[in-house]
Amino acid sequence: MRRWCSIPRAGSVVDTIELGRALRRLNITTTVGKTVIASAADGSTTTALSPAASCESMCAFVLLGGARRYVPPEARILVHQIWLAKKRERSETASYTADEIVLVERDIGSLARYTIEMGGGIELLETALRVPPWQPLYQLSSAEIQRTSLNNVDRLFDGAPEGVATTAALGATAAGAPPGYVP
């Protein structure tokens, strides 16, 4: 049985680490993709995994939890600094207590340990920490995705996964299919 996981876009550091470790314990493959559901004229439904998707914020760190990780060339990985959720809207002008700064620093340390534990390159965290929350998210290049070990397999599947239709079944061209999909 193949196991794979759809990754949420953003979240807390503690929840991200917990989810990532659970994915690893379950030996799950993670990828970046978007589920496309289509209805046929006969009333049946087909689904496909489109590689044209974004993995933003803490998603990159959840992706690291996968025992096998695949980032399609069409996918985008976008990162930024972790920040206190309650101060995200006014991050440039907000005041911060010593306890809040300690919390952020503790989370950064936990995220660094987790990144290494999952076999990721620390450059992932370093790159994210360069982008304050009031700036646009930073898109990792394909070279950065490889260096940070977000991608550790060449293909997602050897063939179409059980229960998932190929993009060709949805009327898409084979050129738009993710690597490994066999129409």
Protein backbone atom coordinates (compact mmCIF):
# COMPACT_ATOMS: atom_id res chain seq x y z
CA MET A 1 0.00 0.00 0.00
CA ARG A 2 1.36 3.41 -0.95
CA ARG A 3 1.05 6.17 1.59
CA TRP A 4 1.31 9.82 0.72
CA CYS A 5 0.21 13.03 2.32
CA SER A 6 -1.15 16.36 1.22
CA ILE A 7 0.64 19.10 3.11
CA PRO A 8 -1.09 22.14 4.61
CA ARG A 9 0.11 25.61 3.63
CA ALA A 10 1.04 27.09 6.99
CA GLY A 11 0.97 26.47 10.71
CA SER A 12 2.73 26.63 14.02
CA VAL A 13 6.26 25.38 14.61
CA VAL A 14 5.21 22.92 17.32
CA ASP A 15 2.39 21.48 15.18
CA THR A 16 4.66 21.30 12.13
CA ILE A 17 7.32 19.34 14.00
CA GLU A 18 4.72 17.00 15.49
CA LEU A 19 3.13 16.36 12.08
CA GLY A 20 6.51 15.89 10.38
CA ARG A 21 7.65 13.34 12.94
CA ALA A 22 4.33 11.48 12.63
CA LEU A 23 4.77 11.33 8.84
CA ARG A 24 8.26 9.90 9.30
CA ARG A 25 7.09 7.27 11.81
CA LEU A 26 4.46 6.17 9.30
CA ASN A 27 7.04 5.99 6.49
CA ILE A 28 4.94 8.35 4.35
CA THR A 29 6.01 9.90 1.05
CA THR A 30 5.44 13.64 0.86
CA THR A 31 5.15 15.77 -2.26
CA VAL A 32 3.90 19.12 -3.44
CA GLY A 33 0.77 18.89 -5.52
CA LYS A 34 -2.82 19.89 -5.86
CA THR A 35 -5.67 17.40 -6.06
CA VAL A 36 -7.74 17.92 -9.19
CA ILE A 37 -11.22 16.39 -9.18
CA ALA A 38 -13.23 16.12 -12.37
CA SER A 39 -16.71 14.79 -13.08
CA ALA A 40 -17.30 12.81 -16.24
CA ALA A 41 -20.49 12.92 -18.32
CA ASP A 42 -21.45 9.48 -16.97
CA GLY A 43 -21.44 10.85 -13.41
CA SER A 44 -18.18 9.21 -12.37
CA THR A 45 -15.45 11.20 -10.68
CA THR A 46 -11.74 11.05 -11.36
CA THR A 47 -8.89 12.58 -9.43
CA ALA A 48 -5.32 13.44 -10.28
CA LEU A 49 -2.40 15.03 -8.53
CA SER A 50 -1.31 18.18 -10.37
CA PRO A 51 2.33 19.18 -9.83
CA ALA A 52 1.49 22.86 -10.41
CA ALA A 53 1.15 23.84 -6.75
CA SER A 54 2.79 25.88 -4.00
CA CYS A 55 4.16 24.78 -0.65
CA GLU A 56 4.30 27.88 1.54
CA SER A 57 5.51 28.83 5.00
CA MET A 58 5.77 25.86 7.38
CA CYS A 59 4.77 23.50 4.57
CA ALA A 60 8.44 23.15 3.57
CA PHE A 61 9.24 21.79 7.04
CA VAL A 62 6.29 19.39 7.00
CA LEU A 63 7.54 18.19 3.61
CA LEU A 64 10.83 17.26 5.33
CA GLY A 65 8.94 14.75 7.48
CA GLY A 66 8.42 12.44 4.53
CA ALA A 67 10.62 9.37 4.41
CA ARG A 68 10.69 10.04 0.67
CA ARG A 69 10.19 13.58 -0.61
CA TYR A 70 9.44 14.66 -4.14
CA VAL A 71 9.18 18.24 -5.40
CA PRO A 72 7.99 18.33 -9.02
CA PRO A 73 9.76 20.87 -11.25
CA GLU A 74 6.45 22.74 -11.66
CA ALA A 75 5.98 23.14 -7.90
CA ARG A 76 7.00 26.18 -5.88
CA ILE A 77 8.46 26.17 -2.35
CA LEU A 78 8.11 29.54 -0.59
CA VAL A 79 9.53 30.35 2.85
CA HIS A 80 9.75 33.15 5.41
CA GLN A 81 10.68 33.69 9.07
CA ILE A 82 8.65 32.17 11.83
CA TRP A 83 6.79 34.83 13.76
CA LEU A 84 4.34 35.18 16.60
CA ALA A 85 0.91 34.58 15.07
CA LYS A 86 -0.78 37.23 17.18
CA LYS A 87 1.71 39.88 15.97
CA ARG A 88 1.93 38.88 12.32
CA GLU A 89 -0.37 41.65 11.08
CA ARG A 90 1.65 44.45 12.73
CA SER A 91 5.03 42.72 12.80
CA GLU A 92 7.08 45.82 11.90
CA THR A 93 5.57 48.10 14.53
CA ALA A 94 4.60 45.70 17.33
CA SER A 95 6.36 45.65 20.69
CA TYR A 96 7.73 42.34 21.93
CA THR A 97 8.25 41.14 25.47
CA ALA A 98 11.32 39.22 26.54
CA ASP A 99 9.10 36.13 26.97
CA GLU A 100 7.89 36.43 23.37
CA ILE A 101 11.44 36.71 22.06
CA VAL A 102 12.46 33.67 24.12
CA LEU A 103 9.53 31.73 22.63
CA VAL A 104 10.56 32.59 19.05
CA GLU A 105 14.21 31.71 19.74
CA ARG A 106 13.19 28.40 21.34
CA ASP A 107 11.04 27.59 18.29
CA ILE A 108 13.94 28.41 15.95
CA GLY A 109 16.17 26.04 17.93
CA SER A 110 13.53 23.30 17.80
CA LEU A 111 13.07 23.81 14.09
CA ALA A 112 16.85 23.63 13.52
CA ARG A 113 17.08 20.34 15.44
CA TYR A 114 14.06 18.94 13.56
CA THR A 115 15.49 19.99 10.17
CA ILE A 116 18.72 18.08 10.84
CA GLU A 117 16.83 15.11 12.37
CA MET A 118 14.76 14.79 9.18
CA GLY A 119 17.88 14.85 7.00
CA GLY A 120 17.28 18.35 5.70
CA GLY A 121 19.93 20.93 5.00
CA ILE A 122 20.15 23.68 7.61
CA GLU A 123 20.27 26.12 4.67
CA LEU A 124 16.47 25.72 4.51
CA LEU A 125 16.03 27.29 7.95
CA GLU A 126 18.76 29.86 7.33
CA THR A 127 17.07 30.97 4.09
CA ALA A 128 13.65 31.19 5.74
CA LEU A 129 15.06 33.26 8.61
CA ARG A 130 16.33 35.91 6.15
CA VAL A 131 12.77 36.82 5.08
CA PRO A 132 10.79 38.92 7.59
CA PRO A 133 7.00 38.43 7.63
CA TRP A 134 6.32 41.85 6.12
CA GLN A 135 8.23 40.95 2.93
CA PRO A 136 7.01 38.62 0.16
CA LEU A 137 7.79 34.95 0.68
CA TYR A 138 11.04 33.77 -0.89
CA GLN A 139 10.82 31.10 -3.61
CA LEU A 140 13.52 28.46 -3.38
CA SER A 141 15.35 27.70 -6.60
CA SER A 142 15.62 24.11 -7.83
CA ALA A 143 19.27 24.12 -6.71
CA GLU A 144 18.22 25.24 -3.20
CA ILE A 145 15.52 22.54 -3.11
CA GLN A 146 18.20 19.93 -3.84
CA ARG A 147 20.78 21.37 -1.40
CA THR A 148 18.27 21.46 1.44
CA SER A 149 17.20 17.85 0.72
CA LEU A 150 13.55 18.77 0.26
CA ASN A 151 13.69 16.49 -2.77
CA ASN A 152 15.29 13.10 -2.11
CA VAL A 153 13.78 10.93 -4.86
CA ASP A 154 13.75 11.25 -8.64
CA ARG A 155 10.13 10.22 -9.16
CA LEU A 156 6.97 10.23 -7.12
CA PHE A 157 5.59 6.91 -8.36
CA ASP A 158 6.78 4.14 -10.67
CA GLY A 159 3.30 4.16 -12.19
CA ALA A 160 -0.08 5.63 -11.38
CA PRO A 161 -0.89 5.23 -7.66
CA GLU A 162 -3.76 2.98 -6.70
CA GLY A 163 -7.05 4.88 -6.66
CA VAL A 164 -5.67 7.95 -8.41
CA ALA A 165 -6.40 8.59 -12.07
CA THR A 166 -3.71 9.92 -14.32
CA THR A 167 -3.93 13.44 -15.67
CA ALA A 168 -4.48 11.91 -19.11
CA ALA A 169 -7.73 10.42 -17.78
CA LEU A 170 -8.86 13.97 -17.02
CA GLY A 171 -8.21 15.11 -20.56
CA ALA A 172 -4.85 16.72 -19.76
CA THR A 173 -1.91 16.25 -22.06
CA ALA A 174 0.79 13.78 -21.10
CA ALA A 175 3.22 16.72 -21.01
CA GLY A 176 1.27 18.16 -18.07
CA ALA A 177 1.38 14.93 -16.09
CA PRO A 178 3.66 14.65 -13.08
CA PRO A 179 6.80 12.55 -13.53
CA GLY A 180 6.04 8.90 -12.98
CA TYR A 181 2.42 9.09 -14.12
CA VAL A 182 1.78 6.63 -16.89
CA PRO A 183 -1.32 7.42 -18.99
